């Protein structure tokens, strides 16, 4: 080996050793860096927690959304969705759009009332004269749980069929012909066949041309108007389906306040509350200026805070008003249910985003990719 070859090999060896020492130094420095991060984990996490709070704290613009949402929810509570005043049957009927003055004057053949009779006569399932126990067992709600035409769901089928055939079907699905007595009142004339009640109704709808279809359309409209006139009366209507299972139980449940009037009001309250929340959320999210996934989630945290805070404040003020006035008509039960749901779900979402932000950033710090 000559001197030139020796010098070349020495140069390569020196270069290799230099690179090895450089790599060892980098590894040592990285180990020291990671060790320092681990030793200061508590402080780093606290700092990231503070950053999360700063990034998701409500801004001045957010406060405008918050107070707007509070105002809308409170206005909704007292102007749109308070519990209605319960009326007597006649007053409620007179106040119902589409209700006309009626009198019993039934002159038809069995199952075949004319269109004029259907329009001018009361609904047949309000009859009780001559029932001879057919409508017994209804408790406080009486015939509203024993005549299936008053069921808010089943009534759309059986009540419509009863009107179209001048019959009454009970909660145990026995049917009776309803006619006019000498005092011009509806009464139970004789037994009918529930099967024929339904088959004659279908026949009018399918095989009797425009006249039959008009009778069915008129019958279902009369059914809807009647249900609407009954729903906010003192006894209201039973909850759907229960009458067909146990009329007395349906009446007992209604006596505890679980009737269609209260149910429809609570559903209306929750629906309007959700609509306001959705509107506020949709508009607020339009103000997110970043396309980064984490920034979008941080903005949504602020959105959810606005909704949760506004719902909580509105519900708290509502409870205070009800307690002060002792007026249960003002109770926003549906809105309170929405508030509880929002508090649970929004809290979980915020916690998940916070964990993603903090531990994601901590991982980037450990990996050396974090930018402040």
Protein backbone atom coordinates (compact mmCIF):
# COMPACT_ATOMS: atom_id res chain seq x y z
CA UNK A 1 0.00 0.00 0.00
CA UNK A 2 1.46 3.32 -1.02
CA UNK A 3 1.09 6.55 0.94
CA UNK A 4 -1.70 7.93 -1.26
CA UNK A 5 -3.92 4.92 -0.64
CA UNK A 6 -3.24 5.11 3.06
CA UNK A 7 -4.18 8.80 3.21
CA UNK A 8 -7.42 8.13 1.31
CA UNK A 9 -8.45 5.35 3.70
CA UNK A 10 -7.59 7.52 6.69
CA UNK A 11 -9.71 10.36 5.28
CA UNK A 12 -12.70 8.02 4.83
CA UNK A 13 -12.27 6.67 8.35
CA UNK A 14 -12.07 10.19 9.78
CA UNK A 15 -15.23 11.15 7.85
CA UNK A 16 -17.08 8.07 9.11
CA UNK A 17 -16.00 8.69 12.70
CA UNK A 18 -17.02 12.33 12.42
CA UNK A 19 -20.47 11.41 11.18
CA UNK A 20 -20.83 8.84 13.95
CA UNK A 21 -19.86 11.39 16.61
CA UNK A 22 -22.27 13.90 15.01
CA UNK A 23 -25.12 11.36 15.12
CA UNK A 24 -24.27 10.48 18.72
CA UNK A 25 -24.32 14.16 19.63
CA UNK A 26 -27.69 14.66 17.92
CA UNK A 27 -29.09 11.61 19.70
CA UNK A 28 -27.77 12.88 23.01
CA UNK A 29 -29.22 16.35 22.43
CA UNK A 30 -32.60 14.84 21.43
CA UNK A 31 -32.56 12.67 24.54
CA UNK A 32 -31.81 15.70 26.69
CA UNK A 33 -34.61 17.65 24.93
CA UNK A 34 -37.18 14.90 25.44
CA UNK A 35 -36.02 14.42 29.03
CA UNK A 36 -36.54 18.14 29.67
CA UNK A 37 -40.04 17.90 28.13
CA UNK A 38 -40.91 14.93 30.32
CA UNK A 39 -39.57 16.70 33.40
CA UNK A 40 -41.70 19.75 32.55
CA UNK A 41 -44.82 17.90 31.42
CA UNK A 42 -47.01 19.42 34.12
CA UNK A 43 -46.10 22.98 33.14
CA UNK A 44 -46.44 22.25 29.41
CA UNK A 45 -49.90 20.75 29.85
CA UNK A 46 -50.97 23.69 32.01
CA UNK A 47 -49.73 26.06 29.33
CA UNK A 48 -51.63 24.14 26.62
CA UNK A 49 -54.72 24.19 28.84
CA UNK A 50 -54.45 27.97 29.09
CA UNK A 51 -54.03 28.21 25.31
CA UNK A 52 -57.18 26.13 24.81
CA UNK A 53 -59.13 28.38 27.16
CA UNK A 54 -57.88 31.47 25.31
CA UNK A 55 -58.72 30.04 21.89
CA UNK A 56 -62.23 28.92 22.95
CA UNK A 57 -63.14 31.84 25.20
CA UNK A 58 -66.11 33.90 24.03
CA UNK A 59 -65.19 37.02 22.09
CA UNK A 60 -67.12 40.28 21.88
CA UNK A 61 -68.77 39.03 18.70
CA UNK A 62 -69.68 35.78 20.47
CA UNK A 63 -71.35 37.77 23.26
CA UNK A 64 -73.66 39.33 20.67
CA UNK A 65 -74.70 35.83 19.59
CA UNK A 66 -75.11 34.78 23.23
CA UNK A 67 -77.44 37.62 24.19
CA UNK A 68 -79.37 37.26 20.93
CA UNK A 69 -79.90 33.56 21.67
CA UNK A 70 -81.00 34.32 25.23
CA UNK A 71 -83.47 36.93 23.99
CA UNK A 72 -84.93 34.58 21.39
CA UNK A 73 -85.32 31.72 23.86
CA UNK A 74 -87.00 33.89 26.51
CA UNK A 75 -89.32 35.48 23.93
CA UNK A 76 -90.21 32.02 22.67
CA UNK A 77 -91.02 30.83 26.20
CA UNK A 78 -93.66 33.47 26.89
CA UNK A 79 -94.96 34.42 23.45
CA UNK A 80 -95.05 31.18 21.47
CA UNK A 81 -94.89 28.06 23.62
CA UNK A 82 -96.53 28.57 27.00
CA UNK A 83 -99.13 26.01 28.07
CA UNK A 84 -102.56 26.95 26.63
CA UNK A 85 -105.58 27.80 28.75
CA UNK A 86 -107.96 24.84 29.02
CA UNK A 87 -111.47 25.62 27.71
CA UNK A 88 -114.84 23.92 27.99
CA UNK A 89 -115.81 21.71 25.05
CA UNK A 90 -118.24 24.14 23.40
CA UNK A 91 -115.95 27.17 23.66
CA UNK A 92 -113.02 25.17 22.31
CA UNK A 93 -115.12 23.94 19.38
CA UNK A 94 -116.33 27.46 18.55
CA UNK A 95 -112.73 28.72 18.60
CA UNK A 96 -111.46 26.00 16.25
CA UNK A 97 -110.90 26.99 12.64
CA UNK A 98 -113.17 24.98 10.34
CA UNK A 99 -115.74 24.07 12.98
CA UNK A 100 -119.34 24.62 11.87
CA UNK A 101 -122.63 24.52 13.76
CA UNK A 102 -123.95 20.96 13.76
CA UNK A 103 -127.16 19.10 14.62
CA UNK A 104 -128.16 15.46 14.48
CA UNK A 105 -130.27 14.67 11.40
CA UNK A 106 -129.25 11.22 10.19
CA UNK A 107 -131.61 9.71 7.57
CA UNK A 108 -129.23 7.42 5.67
CA UNK A 109 -129.02 3.70 4.99
CA UNK A 110 -126.53 1.76 7.10
CA UNK A 111 -122.91 2.73 6.37
CA UNK A 112 -124.05 5.19 3.66
CA UNK A 113 -124.47 8.76 5.01
CA UNK A 114 -124.62 11.46 2.36
CA UNK A 115 -121.95 14.13 2.07
CA UNK A 116 -124.43 16.70 3.39
CA UNK A 117 -125.16 14.53 6.45
CA UNK A 118 -121.45 14.14 7.16
CA UNK A 119 -120.94 17.91 6.99
CA UNK A 120 -123.98 18.97 9.07
CA UNK A 121 -124.06 16.23 11.72
CA UNK A 122 -121.71 16.01 14.72
CA UNK A 123 -119.06 13.30 14.73
CA UNK A 124 -120.80 10.00 15.56
CA UNK A 125 -118.23 8.94 18.17
CA UNK A 126 -119.44 11.70 20.52
CA UNK A 127 -122.76 9.86 20.92
CA UNK A 128 -123.53 8.29 24.31
CA UNK A 129 -127.34 7.94 24.49
CA UNK A 130 -128.32 4.29 24.50
CA UNK A 131 -124.76 3.05 24.85
CA UNK A 132 -125.87 0.55 27.52
CA UNK A 133 -122.35 0.15 28.88
CA UNK A 134 -120.56 0.13 25.53
CA UNK A 135 -118.60 3.23 26.59
CA UNK A 136 -118.08 2.28 30.24
CA UNK A 137 -114.69 1.95 31.91
CA UNK A 138 -113.28 5.25 30.72
CA UNK A 139 -112.82 6.87 34.12
CA UNK A 140 -112.38 10.64 34.16
CA UNK A 141 -112.02 10.96 30.37
CA UNK A 142 -115.16 8.92 29.69
CA UNK A 143 -115.93 8.38 26.01
CA UNK A 144 -112.68 10.05 24.94
CA UNK A 145 -110.83 6.88 25.88
CA UNK A 146 -113.57 4.34 25.14
CA UNK A 147 -114.48 5.67 21.66
CA UNK A 148 -111.39 5.04 19.52
CA UNK A 149 -112.22 7.96 17.24
CA UNK A 150 -110.73 10.23 19.91
CA UNK A 151 -107.31 8.56 19.76
CA UNK A 152 -104.89 11.09 18.18
CA UNK A 153 -103.39 8.43 15.88
CA UNK A 154 -105.87 5.55 15.60
CA UNK A 155 -108.65 8.11 15.31
CA UNK A 156 -107.30 9.19 11.93
CA UNK A 157 -108.25 5.71 10.71
CA UNK A 158 -111.23 4.62 12.82
CA UNK A 159 -112.60 8.10 13.50
CA UNK A 160 -112.51 8.90 9.79
CA UNK A 161 -114.21 5.57 9.03
CA UNK A 162 -116.85 6.25 11.70
CA UNK A 163 -117.64 9.65 10.22
CA UNK A 164 -117.80 8.24 6.69
CA UNK A 165 -120.19 5.45 7.79
CA UNK A 166 -122.08 7.14 10.67
CA UNK A 167 -120.83 4.60 13.20
CA UNK A 168 -118.97 4.49 16.50
CA UNK A 169 -116.13 2.07 17.22
CA UNK A 170 -115.16 1.44 20.83
CA UNK A 171 -111.70 0.89 22.31
CA UNK A 172 -112.27 -2.86 22.10
CA UNK A 173 -113.11 -2.44 18.39
CA UNK A 174 -116.84 -3.16 18.59
CA UNK A 175 -118.93 -0.90 16.36
CA UNK A 176 -122.43 0.57 16.53
CA UNK A 177 -124.72 2.41 14.12
CA UNK A 178 -125.40 5.98 15.22
CA UNK A 179 -128.71 7.56 14.28
CA UNK A 180 -131.00 10.46 15.31
CA UNK A 181 -133.68 9.99 17.99
CA UNK A 182 -136.96 11.86 18.39
CA UNK A 183 -135.21 14.58 20.40
CA UNK A 184 -132.81 15.22 17.53
CA UNK A 185 -129.87 13.72 19.43
CA UNK A 186 -127.39 11.09 18.32
CA UNK A 187 -127.99 7.67 19.86
CA UNK A 188 -126.84 4.06 19.60
CA UNK A 189 -129.32 2.45 17.19
CA UNK A 190 -127.90 -1.04 16.76
CA UNK A 191 -124.72 -3.05 16.55
CA UNK A 192 -122.54 -2.71 13.46
CA UNK A 193 -119.62 -4.68 12.05
CA UNK A 194 -116.18 -3.12 12.45
CA UNK A 195 -115.05 -5.09 9.41
CA UNK A 196 -117.87 -3.53 7.35
CA UNK A 197 -117.09 -0.08 8.76
CA UNK A 198 -113.58 -0.34 7.31
CA UNK A 199 -114.57 -2.10 4.08
CA UNK A 200 -117.28 0.47 3.27
CA UNK A 201 -114.76 3.23 3.93
CA UNK A 202 -112.24 1.66 1.54
CA UNK A 203 -114.99 1.11 -1.02
CA UNK A 204 -115.86 4.82 -0.96
CA UNK A 205 -112.20 5.70 -1.38
CA UNK A 206 -111.40 3.25 -4.18
CA UNK A 207 -114.58 2.36 -6.06
CA UNK A 208 -117.06 5.22 -5.71
CA UNK A 209 -115.30 7.77 -7.87
CA UNK A 210 -115.00 11.44 -7.03
CA UNK A 211 -118.07 11.36 -4.76
CA UNK A 212 -116.60 8.64 -2.57
CA UNK A 213 -113.21 10.32 -2.43
CA UNK A 214 -114.90 13.61 -1.47
CA UNK A 215 -116.73 11.83 1.37
CA UNK A 216 -113.46 10.37 2.70
CA UNK A 217 -111.59 13.68 2.35
CA UNK A 218 -114.41 15.49 4.16
CA UNK A 219 -114.47 12.82 6.86
CA UNK A 220 -110.75 13.03 7.57
CA UNK A 221 -110.89 16.83 7.68
CA UNK A 222 -113.84 16.64 10.09
CA UNK A 223 -111.85 14.16 12.22
CA UNK A 224 -108.80 16.45 12.34
CA UNK A 225 -110.94 19.50 13.20
CA UNK A 226 -112.68 17.56 15.96
CA UNK A 227 -109.41 16.31 17.46
CA UNK A 228 -108.03 19.84 17.31
CA UNK A 229 -111.11 21.23 19.07
CA UNK A 230 -110.81 18.61 21.85
CA UNK A 231 -107.07 18.74 22.46
CA UNK A 232 -107.01 21.91 24.58
CA UNK A 233 -110.22 21.29 26.51
CA UNK A 234 -110.24 20.60 30.25
CA UNK A 235 -110.01 16.85 29.73
CA UNK A 236 -108.02 17.02 26.47
CA UNK A 237 -107.32 13.75 24.64
CA UNK A 238 -105.48 10.60 25.75
CA UNK A 239 -101.97 9.80 24.60
CA UNK A 240 -101.91 7.84 21.31
CA UNK A 241 -102.52 4.09 21.38
CA UNK A 242 -103.08 3.64 25.12
CA UNK A 243 -106.88 3.65 24.85
CA UNK A 244 -106.78 0.57 22.63
CA UNK A 245 -104.75 -1.27 25.29
CA UNK A 246 -106.48 -0.10 28.48
CA UNK A 247 -108.95 2.82 28.47
CA UNK A 248 -108.92 3.21 32.24
CA UNK A 249 -105.12 3.37 32.27
CA UNK A 250 -105.22 6.01 29.52
CA UNK A 251 -107.62 8.06 31.65
CA UNK A 252 -105.48 7.65 34.76
CA UNK A 253 -102.32 8.68 32.92
CA UNK A 254 -104.13 11.76 31.61
CA UNK A 255 -105.20 12.68 35.15
CA UNK A 256 -101.50 12.96 36.04
CA UNK A 257 -101.03 15.53 33.28
CA UNK A 258 -99.82 13.17 30.56
CA UNK A 259 -102.40 14.08 27.91
CA UNK A 260 -102.22 15.31 24.31
CA UNK A 261 -102.50 18.99 25.20
CA UNK A 262 -99.48 18.89 27.49
CA UNK A 263 -97.56 16.54 25.20
CA UNK A 264 -98.11 18.74 22.14
CA UNK A 265 -97.06 21.83 24.11
CA UNK A 266 -93.86 20.18 25.37
CA UNK A 267 -93.03 18.96 21.85
CA UNK A 268 -93.68 22.47 20.52
CA UNK A 269 -91.42 23.97 23.21
CA UNK A 270 -88.56 21.59 22.47
CA UNK A 271 -88.96 21.96 18.70
CA UNK A 272 -88.85 25.76 18.80
CA UNK A 273 -85.90 25.67 21.20
CA UNK A 274 -83.98 23.36 18.85
CA UNK A 275 -84.82 25.58 15.86
CA UNK A 276 -83.40 28.64 17.64
CA UNK A 277 -80.28 26.70 18.64
CA UNK A 278 -79.80 25.48 15.07
CA UNK A 279 -80.23 28.96 13.63
CA UNK A 280 -77.69 30.49 16.05
CA UNK A 281 -75.21 27.65 15.42
CA UNK A 282 -75.54 27.88 11.64
CA UNK A 283 -74.96 31.64 11.55
CA UNK A 284 -72.10 31.55 14.10
CA UNK A 285 -70.24 28.83 12.18
CA UNK A 286 -70.25 31.04 9.10
CA UNK A 287 -67.78 33.30 10.95
CA UNK A 288 -65.07 30.60 11.18
CA UNK A 289 -62.18 31.94 9.07
CA UNK A 290 -59.86 28.90 9.09
CA UNK A 291 -59.97 25.71 7.04
CA UNK A 292 -57.81 23.72 9.48
CA UNK A 293 -59.68 20.89 11.16
CA UNK A 294 -58.56 21.77 14.69
CA UNK A 295 -59.45 25.45 14.22
CA UNK A 296 -62.91 24.48 12.98
CA UNK A 297 -63.38 22.32 16.07
CA UNK A 298 -62.18 25.12 18.37
CA UNK A 299 -64.69 27.46 16.72
CA UNK A 300 -67.42 24.86 17.25
CA UNK A 301 -66.51 24.76 20.94
CA UNK A 302 -67.34 28.47 21.11
CA UNK A 303 -70.57 27.82 19.19
CA UNK A 304 -71.61 25.13 21.63
CA UNK A 305 -70.73 27.33 24.60
CA UNK A 306 -73.03 30.03 23.23
CA UNK A 307 -75.89 27.55 22.86
CA UNK A 308 -75.36 25.87 26.25
CA UNK A 309 -75.02 29.16 28.14
CA UNK A 310 -78.06 30.72 26.44
CA UNK A 311 -80.21 27.64 27.11
CA UNK A 312 -79.06 27.45 30.72
CA UNK A 313 -79.75 31.13 31.39
CA UNK A 314 -83.16 31.03 29.67
CA UNK A 315 -84.22 27.86 31.52
CA UNK A 316 -82.98 29.18 34.88
CA UNK A 317 -84.89 32.43 34.44
CA UNK A 318 -88.00 30.47 33.42
CA UNK A 319 -87.85 28.33 36.57
CA UNK A 320 -87.44 31.50 38.65
CA UNK A 321 -90.48 33.12 36.99
CA UNK A 322 -92.63 30.01 37.53
CA UNK A 323 -91.55 29.83 41.18
CA UNK A 324 -92.29 33.53 41.71
CA UNK A 325 -95.67 33.60 39.94
CA UNK A 326 -96.81 30.05 40.81
CA UNK A 327 -98.14 29.92 37.24
CA UNK A 328 -97.42 26.56 35.64
CA UNK A 329 -98.61 27.84 32.24
CA UNK A 330 -95.21 29.53 31.90
CA UNK A 331 -93.17 26.37 32.59
CA UNK A 332 -90.89 25.67 29.63
CA UNK A 333 -90.65 21.92 30.15
CA UNK A 334 -89.62 21.14 26.57
CA UNK A 335 -86.97 23.85 26.62
CA UNK A 336 -85.64 22.52 29.93
CA UNK A 337 -85.28 19.05 28.41
CA UNK A 338 -83.34 20.54 25.48
CA UNK A 339 -81.12 22.46 27.93
CA UNK A 340 -80.26 19.31 29.89
CA UNK A 341 -79.49 17.46 26.66
CA UNK A 342 -77.28 20.31 25.41
CA UNK A 343 -75.37 20.53 28.69
CA UNK A 344 -74.59 16.81 28.57
CA UNK A 345 -73.68 16.54 24.87
CA UNK A 346 -71.87 19.89 24.57
CA UNK A 347 -69.80 19.19 27.67
CA UNK A 348 -68.69 15.86 26.19
CA UNK A 349 -67.83 17.48 22.85
CA UNK A 350 -65.82 20.26 24.51
CA UNK A 351 -63.96 17.73 26.66
CA UNK A 352 -63.10 15.60 23.62
CA UNK A 353 -61.84 18.60 21.63
CA UNK A 354 -59.83 19.81 24.62
CA UNK A 355 -58.14 16.42 24.95
CA UNK A 356 -57.43 16.35 21.22
CA UNK A 357 -55.95 19.86 21.32
CA UNK A 358 -53.80 19.40 24.43
CA UNK A 359 -52.48 15.89 23.83
CA UNK A 360 -52.13 16.47 20.09
CA UNK A 361 -50.02 19.55 20.77
CA UNK A 362 -48.03 17.71 23.47
CA UNK A 363 -47.28 14.90 21.01
CA UNK A 364 -46.05 17.46 18.48
CA UNK A 365 -43.81 19.02 21.14
CA UNK A 366 -42.29 15.64 21.93
CA UNK A 367 -41.81 14.93 18.21
CA UNK A 368 -40.29 18.37 17.70
CA UNK A 369 -43.04 19.52 15.29
CA UNK A 370 -44.90 21.97 17.55
CA UNK A 371 -45.02 25.60 16.49
CA UNK A 372 -46.19 28.23 18.98
